[in-house]
Protein backbone atom coordinates (compact mmCIF):
# COMPACT_ATOMS: atom_id res chain seq x y z
CA MET A 1 -20.96 7.26 21.19
CA SER A 2 -24.00 9.32 19.77
CA ASP A 3 -26.74 8.20 18.96
CA LEU A 4 -26.76 7.22 15.06
CA GLY A 5 -30.30 6.62 15.12
CA PRO A 6 -32.36 3.96 12.85
CA HIS A 7 -29.39 3.38 10.12
CA ALA A 8 -26.75 2.85 12.77
CA GLY A 9 -25.99 -0.11 11.17
CA PHE A 10 -25.46 0.88 7.84
CA ILE A 11 -23.10 3.64 9.19
CA LEU A 12 -21.30 1.19 10.98
CA ALA A 13 -20.65 -1.45 8.43
CA SER A 14 -19.75 2.08 5.53
CA TYR A 15 -16.41 2.98 7.62
CA ALA A 16 -15.91 -0.95 8.17
CA ALA A 17 -16.31 -1.44 4.60
CA VAL A 18 -13.58 1.73 4.59
CA VAL A 19 -11.27 0.84 7.16
CA LEU A 20 -11.24 -2.92 4.95
CA VAL A 21 -10.70 -1.28 1.61
CA LEU A 22 -8.06 1.32 3.07
CA GLY A 23 -6.75 -1.52 4.51
CA GLY A 24 -5.79 -3.33 1.42
CA LEU A 25 -5.29 -0.66 -0.50
CA ILE A 26 -2.08 0.27 2.31
CA LEU A 27 -0.86 -3.70 2.50
CA THR A 28 -0.85 -3.96 -1.47
CA VAL A 29 1.02 -0.73 -1.83
CA ILE A 30 3.77 -2.82 0.99
CA LEU A 31 3.88 -6.08 -0.89
CA ASP A 32 4.60 -4.07 -4.36
CA HIS A 33 7.41 -1.91 -2.27
CA ARG A 34 8.82 -5.51 -0.88
CA ALA A 35 8.89 -6.92 -4.58
CA GLN A 36 10.12 -3.75 -6.00
CA LYS A 37 13.30 -3.98 -3.64
CA ARG A 38 14.23 -7.37 -4.35
CA ALA A 39 13.62 -6.40 -8.35
CA LEU A 40 16.25 -3.43 -7.87
CA ALA A 41 18.32 -5.78 -5.29
CA ALA A 42 17.95 -8.41 -8.32
CA LEU A 43 18.77 -5.71 -11.37
CA GLU A 44 22.05 -4.31 -9.34
CA GLN A 45 23.28 -8.09 -8.70
CA ARG A 46 23.60 -8.34 -12.06
CA GLY A 47 25.14 -5.36 -12.69
CA ALA A 48 22.20 -2.97 -13.97
CA GLY A 49 23.38 0.47 -13.78
CA ARG A 50 21.51 3.54 -13.91
CA ARG A 51 20.76 5.10 -16.90
CA SER A 52 21.87 8.47 -15.59
CA GLY A 53 25.00 7.18 -14.94
CA GLN A 54 24.36 8.81 -10.94
CA ALA A 55 23.61 7.37 -7.94
CA ALA A 56 20.40 7.28 -6.25
CA PRO A 57 20.50 11.29 -3.49
């Protein structure tokens, strides 16, 4: 590993913070995707069709 100098702790902490933020964003997207799939399934089960009248490709 390269010598990061006296600021190695700050550099590594910033990388760790970025990894945590990106991980949180990815988790949020995954959870929202699942919620939207459940909501769409509930709408389709109730018989709510698409407004365009066409099936999804």
